[in-house]
Amino acid sequence: MMANGAKTNERPGVRAQVRHVRSSAYKAREVLDLIREKHVNEADEILQFTERDISNVIRKCLASAVANAANNK
């Protein structure tokens, strides 16, 4: 571990990941492309009104990432 507490093989920033979701990568990528580079509030609003079912899973993951940022940084 480095002196500042960061691991050497991780990118800086906060992340959350979801595993074992039964959906195609294409469907998830379609929704993720809608919210990429957006502010958290705007991304959450877009996910709330997106009709794909995978958007519910991505919205949960976004909420988890925000919680991780609040608690770990």
Protein backbone atom coordinates (compact mmCIF):
# COMPACT_ATOMS: atom_id res chain seq x y z
CA MET A 1 0.00 0.00 0.00
CA MET A 2 1.21 3.50 -0.75
CA ALA A 3 1.78 6.13 1.90
CA ASN A 4 -1.46 7.97 1.07
CA GLY A 5 -3.55 4.81 1.47
CA ALA A 6 -4.39 4.33 -2.23
CA LYS A 7 -3.83 1.05 -3.98
CA THR A 8 -1.50 1.25 -6.95
CA ASN A 9 -3.72 -0.70 -9.35
CA GLU A 10 -6.93 1.32 -8.93
CA ARG A 11 -8.07 4.45 -10.66
CA PRO A 12 -8.77 7.43 -8.44
CA GLY A 13 -12.43 7.98 -7.66
CA VAL A 14 -15.38 6.06 -6.32
CA ARG A 15 -16.85 2.96 -7.85
CA ALA A 16 -19.59 0.43 -7.27
CA GLN A 17 -20.28 -2.69 -9.25
CA VAL A 18 -23.17 -5.09 -9.67
CA ARG A 19 -22.71 -8.78 -10.29
CA HIS A 20 -24.91 -11.63 -11.42
CA VAL A 21 -27.47 -9.54 -13.28
CA ARG A 22 -29.32 -11.45 -15.95
CA SER A 23 -29.32 -8.92 -18.73
CA SER A 24 -27.36 -8.46 -21.90
CA ALA A 25 -24.41 -6.11 -22.02
CA TYR A 26 -26.01 -4.38 -25.00
CA LYS A 27 -29.09 -3.38 -23.00
CA ALA A 28 -27.01 -2.17 -20.08
CA ARG A 29 -24.66 -0.24 -22.37
CA GLU A 30 -27.60 1.53 -24.02
CA VAL A 31 -28.74 2.88 -20.65
CA LEU A 32 -25.23 3.63 -19.38
CA ASP A 33 -24.53 5.69 -22.50
CA LEU A 34 -27.51 7.88 -21.60
CA ILE A 35 -26.09 8.82 -18.19
CA ARG A 36 -22.35 8.82 -18.85
CA GLU A 37 -20.69 12.21 -18.03
CA LYS A 38 -23.89 13.50 -16.38
CA HIS A 39 -24.26 14.95 -12.86
CA VAL A 40 -25.64 12.47 -10.30
CA ASN A 41 -29.03 14.16 -9.94
CA GLU A 42 -29.51 14.37 -13.70
CA ALA A 43 -28.43 10.75 -14.17
CA ASP A 44 -30.85 9.57 -11.48
CA GLU A 45 -33.69 11.47 -13.12
CA ILE A 46 -32.89 9.95 -16.52
CA LEU A 47 -32.79 6.45 -15.00
CA GLN A 48 -36.08 7.02 -13.22
CA PHE A 49 -37.90 7.59 -16.51
CA THR A 50 -36.03 5.11 -18.71
CA GLU A 51 -38.27 2.22 -19.73
CA ARG A 52 -35.63 -0.54 -19.80
CA ASP A 53 -35.76 -2.86 -16.77
CA ILE A 54 -31.98 -2.73 -16.42
CA SER A 55 -32.29 0.95 -15.51
CA ASN A 56 -33.61 -0.07 -12.07
CA VAL A 57 -30.47 -2.09 -11.42
CA ILE A 58 -28.23 0.72 -12.66
CA ARG A 59 -30.10 3.22 -10.49
CA LYS A 60 -29.44 1.07 -7.42
CA CYS A 61 -25.77 0.87 -8.34
CA LEU A 62 -25.62 4.65 -8.77
CA ALA A 63 -27.13 5.11 -5.30
CA SER A 64 -24.54 2.69 -3.92
CA ALA A 65 -21.71 4.62 -5.55
CA VAL A 66 -23.00 7.88 -4.04
CA ALA A 67 -23.18 6.24 -0.60
CA ASN A 68 -19.65 4.87 -1.03
CA ALA A 69 -18.42 8.35 -1.90
CA ALA A 70 -20.06 9.85 1.16
CA ASN A 71 -18.76 7.21 3.56
CA ASN A 72 -15.31 6.43 2.17
CA LYS A 73 -13.98 9.72 0.87
